[in-house]
Full PDB file with SEQRES, HELIX, SHEET, SSBOND, CRYST1, ORIGX, SCALE, CONECT and MASTER records, all heavy atoms in Angstrom:
SEQRES   1 A   30  GLY GLN SER ALA HIS GLY GLN SER LEU LYS LEU GLY LEU          
SEQRES   2 A   30  TYR PRO SER LEU PHE LEU ASN ASN ALA LEU ILE HIS PHE          
SEQRES   3 A   30  TYR SER LEU THR                                              
HELIX    1 AA1 GLN A    2  LYS A   10  1                                   9    
HELIX    2 AA2 LEU A   17  LEU A   29  1                                  13    
CRYST1    1.000    1.000    1.000  90.00  90.00  90.00 P 1           1          
ORIGX1      1.000000  0.000000  0.000000        0.00000                         
ORIGX2      0.000000  1.000000  0.000000        0.00000                         
ORIGX3      0.000000  0.000000  1.000000        0.00000                         
SCALE1      1.000000  0.000000  0.000000        0.00000                         
SCALE2      0.000000  1.000000  0.000000        0.00000                         
SCALE3      0.000000  0.000000  1.000000        0.00000                         
ATOM      1  N   GLY A   1     106.550  85.396 113.331  1.00  0.00           N  
ATOM      2  CA  GLY A   1     106.775  85.257 111.893  1.00  0.00           C  
ATOM      3  C   GLY A   1     106.838  83.797 111.472  1.00  0.00           C  
ATOM      4  O   GLY A   1     106.282  83.417 110.434  1.00  0.00           O  
ATOM      5  N   GLN A   2     107.511  82.988 112.285  1.00  0.00           N  
ATOM      6  CA  GLN A   2     107.587  81.547 111.989  1.00  0.00           C  
ATOM      7  C   GLN A   2     106.197  80.913 112.071  1.00  0.00           C  
ATOM      8  O   GLN A   2     105.857  80.027 111.273  1.00  0.00           O  
ATOM      9  CB  GLN A   2     108.558  80.877 112.963  1.00  0.00           C  
ATOM     10  CG  GLN A   2     110.002  81.275 112.720  1.00  0.00           C  
ATOM     11  CD  GLN A   2     110.924  80.908 113.879  1.00  0.00           C  
ATOM     12  OE1 GLN A   2     110.455  80.660 114.994  1.00  0.00           O  
ATOM     13  NE2 GLN A   2     112.216  80.878 113.624  1.00  0.00           N  
ATOM     14  N   SER A   3     105.399  81.360 113.036  1.00  0.00           N  
ATOM     15  CA  SER A   3     104.030  80.868 113.175  1.00  0.00           C  
ATOM     16  C   SER A   3     103.203  81.236 111.940  1.00  0.00           C  
ATOM     17  O   SER A   3     102.425  80.410 111.420  1.00  0.00           O  
ATOM     18  CB  SER A   3     103.384  81.451 114.431  1.00  0.00           C  
ATOM     19  OG  SER A   3     102.037  81.066 114.537  1.00  0.00           O  
ATOM     20  N   ALA A   4     103.371  82.467 111.451  1.00  0.00           N  
ATOM     21  CA  ALA A   4     102.663  82.896 110.249  1.00  0.00           C  
ATOM     22  C   ALA A   4     103.069  82.038 109.051  1.00  0.00           C  
ATOM     23  O   ALA A   4     102.227  81.677 108.214  1.00  0.00           O  
ATOM     24  CB  ALA A   4     102.968  84.371 109.966  1.00  0.00           C  
ATOM     25  N   HIS A   5     104.345  81.693 108.983  1.00  0.00           N  
ATOM     26  CA  HIS A   5     104.843  80.817 107.915  1.00  0.00           C  
ATOM     27  C   HIS A   5     104.111  79.471 107.962  1.00  0.00           C  
ATOM     28  O   HIS A   5     103.604  78.985 106.940  1.00  0.00           O  
ATOM     29  CB  HIS A   5     106.345  80.619 108.083  1.00  0.00           C  
ATOM     30  CG  HIS A   5     106.979  79.820 106.986  1.00  0.00           C  
ATOM     31  ND1 HIS A   5     108.311  79.470 107.005  1.00  0.00           N  
ATOM     32  CD2 HIS A   5     106.474  79.282 105.836  1.00  0.00           C  
ATOM     33  CE1 HIS A   5     108.595  78.776 105.922  1.00  0.00           C  
ATOM     34  NE2 HIS A   5     107.492  78.643 105.197  1.00  0.00           N  
ATOM     35  N   GLY A   6     104.053  78.894 109.167  1.00  0.00           N  
ATOM     36  CA  GLY A   6     103.383  77.598 109.326  1.00  0.00           C  
ATOM     37  C   GLY A   6     101.904  77.662 108.965  1.00  0.00           C  
ATOM     38  O   GLY A   6     101.367  76.764 108.293  1.00  0.00           O  
ATOM     39  N   GLN A   7     101.226  78.713 109.404  1.00  0.00           N  
ATOM     40  CA  GLN A   7      99.795  78.845 109.123  1.00  0.00           C  
ATOM     41  C   GLN A   7      99.530  79.020 107.629  1.00  0.00           C  
ATOM     42  O   GLN A   7      98.539  78.513 107.101  1.00  0.00           O  
ATOM     43  CB  GLN A   7      99.229  80.027 109.908  1.00  0.00           C  
ATOM     44  CG  GLN A   7      99.138  79.777 111.411  1.00  0.00           C  
ATOM     45  CD  GLN A   7      98.791  81.036 112.174  1.00  0.00           C  
ATOM     46  OE1 GLN A   7      97.949  81.801 111.755  1.00  0.00           O  
ATOM     47  NE2 GLN A   7      99.456  81.245 113.308  1.00  0.00           N  
ATOM     48  N   SER A   8     100.423  79.733 106.946  1.00  0.00           N  
ATOM     49  CA  SER A   8     100.231  79.918 105.499  1.00  0.00           C  
ATOM     50  C   SER A   8     100.342  78.582 104.769  1.00  0.00           C  
ATOM     51  O   SER A   8      99.642  78.348 103.776  1.00  0.00           O  
ATOM     52  CB  SER A   8     101.251  80.911 104.946  1.00  0.00           C  
ATOM     53  OG  SER A   8     102.568  80.376 104.976  1.00  0.00           O  
ATOM     54  N   LEU A   9     101.216  77.680 105.261  1.00  0.00           N  
ATOM     55  CA  LEU A   9     101.343  76.351 104.664  1.00  0.00           C  
ATOM     56  C   LEU A   9     100.076  75.528 104.903  1.00  0.00           C  
ATOM     57  O   LEU A   9      99.570  74.858 103.997  1.00  0.00           O  
ATOM     58  CB  LEU A   9     102.562  75.626 105.241  1.00  0.00           C  
ATOM     59  CG  LEU A   9     103.945  76.204 104.887  1.00  0.00           C  
ATOM     60  CD1 LEU A   9     105.033  75.483 105.669  1.00  0.00           C  
ATOM     61  CD2 LEU A   9     104.203  76.088 103.392  1.00  0.00           C  
ATOM     62  N   LYS A  10      99.572  75.600 106.135  1.00  0.00           N  
ATOM     63  CA  LYS A  10      98.361  74.835 106.482  1.00  0.00           C  
ATOM     64  C   LYS A  10      97.166  75.267 105.648  1.00  0.00           C  
ATOM     65  O   LYS A  10      96.315  74.457 105.269  1.00  0.00           O  
ATOM     66  CB  LYS A  10      98.032  75.020 107.966  1.00  0.00           C  
ATOM     67  CG  LYS A  10      98.957  74.255 108.904  1.00  0.00           C  
ATOM     68  CD  LYS A  10      98.542  74.493 110.351  1.00  0.00           C  
ATOM     69  CE  LYS A  10      99.497  73.777 111.313  1.00  0.00           C  
ATOM     70  NZ  LYS A  10      99.117  74.032 112.728  1.00  0.00           N  
ATOM     71  N   LEU A  11      97.082  76.563 105.353  1.00  0.00           N  
ATOM     72  CA  LEU A  11      95.939  77.096 104.606  1.00  0.00           C  
ATOM     73  C   LEU A  11      96.109  76.941 103.090  1.00  0.00           C  
ATOM     74  O   LEU A  11      95.237  77.362 102.323  1.00  0.00           O  
ATOM     75  CB  LEU A  11      95.731  78.578 104.952  1.00  0.00           C  
ATOM     76  CG  LEU A  11      95.257  78.852 106.387  1.00  0.00           C  
ATOM     77  CD1 LEU A  11      95.336  80.335 106.695  1.00  0.00           C  
ATOM     78  CD2 LEU A  11      93.827  78.350 106.570  1.00  0.00           C  
ATOM     79  N   GLY A  12      97.246  76.374 102.680  1.00  0.00           N  
ATOM     80  CA  GLY A  12      97.457  76.142 101.253  1.00  0.00           C  
ATOM     81  C   GLY A  12      97.736  77.389 100.448  1.00  0.00           C  
ATOM     82  O   GLY A  12      97.503  77.415  99.233  1.00  0.00           O  
ATOM     83  N   LEU A  13      98.236  78.447 101.110  1.00  0.00           N  
ATOM     84  CA  LEU A  13      98.507  79.711 100.415  1.00  0.00           C  
ATOM     85  C   LEU A  13      99.908  79.742  99.787  1.00  0.00           C  
ATOM     86  O   LEU A  13     100.280  80.715  99.130  1.00  0.00           O  
ATOM     87  CB  LEU A  13      98.356  80.885 101.386  1.00  0.00           C  
ATOM     88  CG  LEU A  13      96.966  81.061 101.999  1.00  0.00           C  
ATOM     89  CD1 LEU A  13      96.984  82.159 103.051  1.00  0.00           C  
ATOM     90  CD2 LEU A  13      95.945  81.372 100.916  1.00  0.00           C  
ATOM     91  N   TYR A  14     100.655  78.668 100.032  1.00  0.00           N  
ATOM     92  CA  TYR A  14     102.035  78.602  99.537  1.00  0.00           C  
ATOM     93  C   TYR A  14     102.124  77.464  98.524  1.00  0.00           C  
ATOM     94  O   TYR A  14     101.507  76.415  98.744  1.00  0.00           O  
ATOM     95  CB  TYR A  14     102.981  78.355 100.720  1.00  0.00           C  
ATOM     96  CG  TYR A  14     104.443  78.460 100.395  1.00  0.00           C  
ATOM     97  CD1 TYR A  14     105.075  79.702 100.418  1.00  0.00           C  
ATOM     98  CD2 TYR A  14     105.183  77.334 100.035  1.00  0.00           C  
ATOM     99  CE1 TYR A  14     106.430  79.806 100.118  1.00  0.00           C  
ATOM    100  CE2 TYR A  14     106.530  77.439  99.734  1.00  0.00           C  
ATOM    101  CZ  TYR A  14     107.147  78.672  99.768  1.00  0.00           C  
ATOM    102  OH  TYR A  14     108.472  78.788  99.458  1.00  0.00           O  
ATOM    103  N   PRO A  15     102.806  77.550  97.375  1.00  0.00           N  
ATOM    104  CA  PRO A  15     103.675  78.671  97.005  1.00  0.00           C  
ATOM    105  C   PRO A  15     102.923  79.837  96.363  1.00  0.00           C  
ATOM    106  O   PRO A  15     101.952  79.639  95.662  1.00  0.00           O  
ATOM    107  CB  PRO A  15     104.632  78.046  96.010  1.00  0.00           C  
ATOM    108  CG  PRO A  15     103.828  76.971  95.353  1.00  0.00           C  
ATOM    109  CD  PRO A  15     102.901  76.443  96.408  1.00  0.00           C  
ATOM    110  N   SER A  16     103.405  80.996  96.639  1.00  0.00           N  
ATOM    111  CA  SER A  16     102.898  82.242  96.065  1.00  0.00           C  
ATOM    112  C   SER A  16     104.094  83.185  95.997  1.00  0.00           C  
ATOM    113  O   SER A  16     104.855  83.297  96.958  1.00  0.00           O  
ATOM    114  CB  SER A  16     101.805  82.823  96.960  1.00  0.00           C  
ATOM    115  OG  SER A  16     101.789  84.228  96.909  1.00  0.00           O  
ATOM    116  N   LEU A  17     104.296  83.824  94.866  1.00  0.00           N  
ATOM    117  CA  LEU A  17     105.460  84.696  94.696  1.00  0.00           C  
ATOM    118  C   LEU A  17     105.474  85.802  95.740  1.00  0.00           C  
ATOM    119  O   LEU A  17     106.503  86.078  96.370  1.00  0.00           O  
ATOM    120  CB  LEU A  17     105.456  85.306  93.288  1.00  0.00           C  
ATOM    121  CG  LEU A  17     106.618  86.266  92.972  1.00  0.00           C  
ATOM    122  CD1 LEU A  17     107.956  85.558  93.104  1.00  0.00           C  
ATOM    123  CD2 LEU A  17     106.452  86.861  91.573  1.00  0.00           C  
ATOM    124  N   PHE A  18     104.318  86.431  95.960  1.00  0.00           N  
ATOM    125  CA  PHE A  18     104.205  87.526  96.911  1.00  0.00           C  
ATOM    126  C   PHE A  18     104.548  87.042  98.320  1.00  0.00           C  
ATOM    127  O   PHE A  18     105.332  87.666  99.054  1.00  0.00           O  
ATOM    128  CB  PHE A  18     102.778  88.080  96.852  1.00  0.00           C  
ATOM    129  CG  PHE A  18     102.581  89.377  97.586  1.00  0.00           C  
ATOM    130  CD1 PHE A  18     103.601  90.304  97.714  1.00  0.00           C  
ATOM    131  CD2 PHE A  18     101.346  89.680  98.148  1.00  0.00           C  
ATOM    132  CE1 PHE A  18     103.409  91.503  98.382  1.00  0.00           C  
ATOM    133  CE2 PHE A  18     101.137  90.873  98.818  1.00  0.00           C  
ATOM    134  CZ  PHE A  18     102.178  91.782  98.936  1.00  0.00           C  
ATOM    135  N   LEU A  19     104.014  85.873  98.699  1.00  0.00           N  
ATOM    136  CA  LEU A  19     104.254  85.315 100.032  1.00  0.00           C  
ATOM    137  C   LEU A  19     105.695  84.831 100.160  1.00  0.00           C  
ATOM    138  O   LEU A  19     106.345  85.037 101.191  1.00  0.00           O  
ATOM    139  CB  LEU A  19     103.279  84.169 100.297  1.00  0.00           C  
ATOM    140  CG  LEU A  19     103.422  83.422 101.635  1.00  0.00           C  
ATOM    141  CD1 LEU A  19     103.326  84.385 102.811  1.00  0.00           C  
ATOM    142  CD2 LEU A  19     102.353  82.335 101.747  1.00  0.00           C  
ATOM    143  N   ASN A  20     106.199  84.184  99.122  1.00  0.00           N  
ATOM    144  CA  ASN A  20     107.569  83.686  99.167  1.00  0.00           C  
ATOM    145  C   ASN A  20     108.567  84.823  99.362  1.00  0.00           C  
ATOM    146  O   ASN A  20     109.511  84.727 100.154  1.00  0.00           O  
ATOM    147  CB  ASN A  20     107.889  82.928  97.877  1.00  0.00           C  
ATOM    148  CG  ASN A  20     109.207  82.190  97.959  1.00  0.00           C  
ATOM    149  OD1 ASN A  20     109.413  81.377  98.851  1.00  0.00           O  
ATOM    150  ND2 ASN A  20     110.116  82.475  97.041  1.00  0.00           N  
ATOM    151  N   ASN A  21     108.361  85.924  98.652  1.00  0.00           N  
ATOM    152  CA  ASN A  21     109.248  87.083  98.799  1.00  0.00           C  
ATOM    153  C   ASN A  21     109.175  87.659 100.214  1.00  0.00           C  
ATOM    154  O   ASN A  21     110.189  88.074 100.784  1.00  0.00           O  
ATOM    155  CB  ASN A  21     108.885  88.162  97.783  1.00  0.00           C  
ATOM    156  CG  ASN A  21     109.326  87.801  96.382  1.00  0.00           C  
ATOM    157  OD1 ASN A  21     110.116  86.880  96.196  1.00  0.00           O  
ATOM    158  ND2 ASN A  21     108.813  88.508  95.383  1.00  0.00           N  
ATOM    159  N   ALA A  22     107.951  87.670 100.764  1.00  0.00           N  
ATOM    160  CA  ALA A  22     107.783  88.176 102.140  1.00  0.00           C  
ATOM    161  C   ALA A  22     108.516  87.284 103.136  1.00  0.00           C  
ATOM    162  O   ALA A  22     109.127  87.775 104.098  1.00  0.00           O  
ATOM    163  CB  ALA A  22     106.301  88.255 102.492  1.00  0.00           C  
ATOM    164  N   LEU A  23     108.481  85.980 102.923  1.00  0.00           N  
ATOM    165  CA  LEU A  23     109.168  85.033 103.818  1.00  0.00           C  
ATOM    166  C   LEU A  23     110.685  85.189 103.705  1.00  0.00           C  
ATOM    167  O   LEU A  23     111.394  85.197 104.722  1.00  0.00           O  
ATOM    168  CB  LEU A  23     108.755  83.595 103.491  1.00  0.00           C  
ATOM    169  CG  LEU A  23     107.356  83.183 103.955  1.00  0.00           C  
ATOM    170  CD1 LEU A  23     106.933  81.879 103.298  1.00  0.00           C  
ATOM    171  CD2 LEU A  23     107.302  83.058 105.479  1.00  0.00           C  
ATOM    172  N   ILE A  24     111.190  85.298 102.474  1.00  0.00           N  
ATOM    173  CA  ILE A  24     112.632  85.496 102.287  1.00  0.00           C  
ATOM    174  C   ILE A  24     113.071  86.781 102.981  1.00  0.00           C  
ATOM    175  O   ILE A  24     114.100  86.818 103.675  1.00  0.00           O  
ATOM    176  CB  ILE A  24     112.978  85.544 100.777  1.00  0.00           C  
ATOM    177  CG1 ILE A  24     112.769  84.173 100.138  1.00  0.00           C  
ATOM    178  CG2 ILE A  24     114.422  86.010 100.571  1.00  0.00           C  
ATOM    179  CD1 ILE A  24     112.871  84.187  98.623  1.00  0.00           C  
ATOM    180  N   HIS A  25     112.281  87.827 102.798  1.00  0.00           N  
ATOM    181  CA  HIS A  25     112.595  89.119 103.428  1.00  0.00           C  
ATOM    182  C   HIS A  25     112.578  88.985 104.950  1.00  0.00           C  
ATOM    183  O   HIS A  25     113.488  89.480 105.637  1.00  0.00           O  
ATOM    184  CB  HIS A  25     111.579  90.161 102.976  1.00  0.00           C  
ATOM    185  CG  HIS A  25     111.798  91.517 103.559  1.00  0.00           C  
ATOM    186  ND1 HIS A  25     112.824  92.332 103.171  1.00  0.00           N  
ATOM    187  CD2 HIS A  25     111.118  92.200 104.522  1.00  0.00           C  
ATOM    188  CE1 HIS A  25     112.780  93.458 103.855  1.00  0.00           C  
ATOM    189  NE2 HIS A  25     111.751  93.411 104.683  1.00  0.00           N  
ATOM    190  N   PHE A  26     111.569  88.314 105.493  1.00  0.00           N  
ATOM    191  CA  PHE A  26     111.452  88.157 106.942  1.00  0.00           C  
ATOM    192  C   PHE A  26     112.643  87.392 107.510  1.00  0.00           C  
ATOM    193  O   PHE A  26     113.281  87.832 108.477  1.00  0.00           O  
ATOM    194  CB  PHE A  26     110.153  87.418 107.289  1.00  0.00           C  
ATOM    195  CG  PHE A  26     110.128  86.844 108.683  1.00  0.00           C  
ATOM    196  CD1 PHE A  26     110.011  87.666 109.785  1.00  0.00           C  
ATOM    197  CD2 PHE A  26     110.259  85.471 108.889  1.00  0.00           C  
ATOM    198  CE1 PHE A  26     110.015  87.147 111.073  1.00  0.00           C  
ATOM    199  CE2 PHE A  26     110.262  84.938 110.169  1.00  0.00           C  
ATOM    200  CZ  PHE A  26     110.138  85.782 111.261  1.00  0.00           C  
ATOM    201  N   TYR A  27     112.967  86.240 106.922  1.00  0.00           N  
ATOM    202  CA  TYR A  27     114.042  85.414 107.480  1.00  0.00           C  
ATOM    203  C   TYR A  27     115.412  86.072 107.311  1.00  0.00           C  
ATOM    204  O   TYR A  27     116.271  85.978 108.193  1.00  0.00           O  
ATOM    205  CB  TYR A  27     114.038  84.028 106.831  1.00  0.00           C  
ATOM    206  CG  TYR A  27     112.956  83.124 107.381  1.00  0.00           C  
ATOM    207  CD1 TYR A  27     111.905  82.675 106.583  1.00  0.00           C  
ATOM    208  CD2 TYR A  27     112.975  82.723 108.719  1.00  0.00           C  
ATOM    209  CE1 TYR A  27     110.906  81.854 107.089  1.00  0.00           C  
ATOM    210  CE2 TYR A  27     111.982  81.897 109.235  1.00  0.00           C  
ATOM    211  CZ  TYR A  27     110.951  81.470 108.424  1.00  0.00           C  
ATOM    212  OH  TYR A  27     109.966  80.671 108.940  1.00  0.00           O  
ATOM    213  N   SER A  28     115.632  86.758 106.213  1.00  0.00           N  
ATOM    214  CA  SER A  28     116.924  87.420 106.017  1.00  0.00           C  
ATOM    215  C   SER A  28     117.070  88.624 106.937  1.00  0.00           C  
ATOM    216  O   SER A  28     118.157  88.916 107.440  1.00  0.00           O  
ATOM    217  CB  SER A  28     117.093  87.848 104.559  1.00  0.00           C  
ATOM    218  OG  SER A  28     116.124  88.802 104.190  1.00  0.00           O  
ATOM    219  N   LEU A  29     115.960  89.317 107.185  1.00  0.00           N  
ATOM    220  CA  LEU A  29     116.007  90.516 108.027  1.00  0.00           C  
ATOM    221  C   LEU A  29     116.156  90.171 109.508  1.00  0.00           C  
ATOM    222  O   LEU A  29     116.671  90.970 110.291  1.00  0.00           O  
ATOM    223  CB  LEU A  29     114.734  91.340 107.815  1.00  0.00           C  
ATOM    224  CG  LEU A  29     114.843  92.845 108.066  1.00  0.00           C  
ATOM    225  CD1 LEU A  29     115.834  93.478 107.109  1.00  0.00           C  
ATOM    226  CD2 LEU A  29     113.490  93.524 107.915  1.00  0.00           C  
ATOM    227  N   THR A  30     115.702  88.965 109.897  1.00  0.00           N  
ATOM    228  CA  THR A  30     115.777  88.571 111.307  1.00  0.00           C  
ATOM    229  C   THR A  30     116.975  87.660 111.584  1.00  0.00           C  
ATOM    230  O   THR A  30     117.008  86.965 112.597  1.00  0.00           O  
ATOM    231  CB  THR A  30     114.477  87.861 111.739  1.00  0.00           C  
ATOM    232  OG1 THR A  30     114.194  86.773 110.852  1.00  0.00           O  
ATOM    233  CG2 THR A  30     113.312  88.834 111.731  1.00  0.00           C  
TER     234      THR A  30                                                      
MASTER        0    0    0    2    0    0    0    6  233    1    0    3          
END                                                                             
């Protein structure tokens, strides 16, 4: 999950509301 976070930053997909919510959900759930 952390790797996916890093790759999304490299690809310029962040910030995105949909992605940001998924990241918050991932980090809070883990």
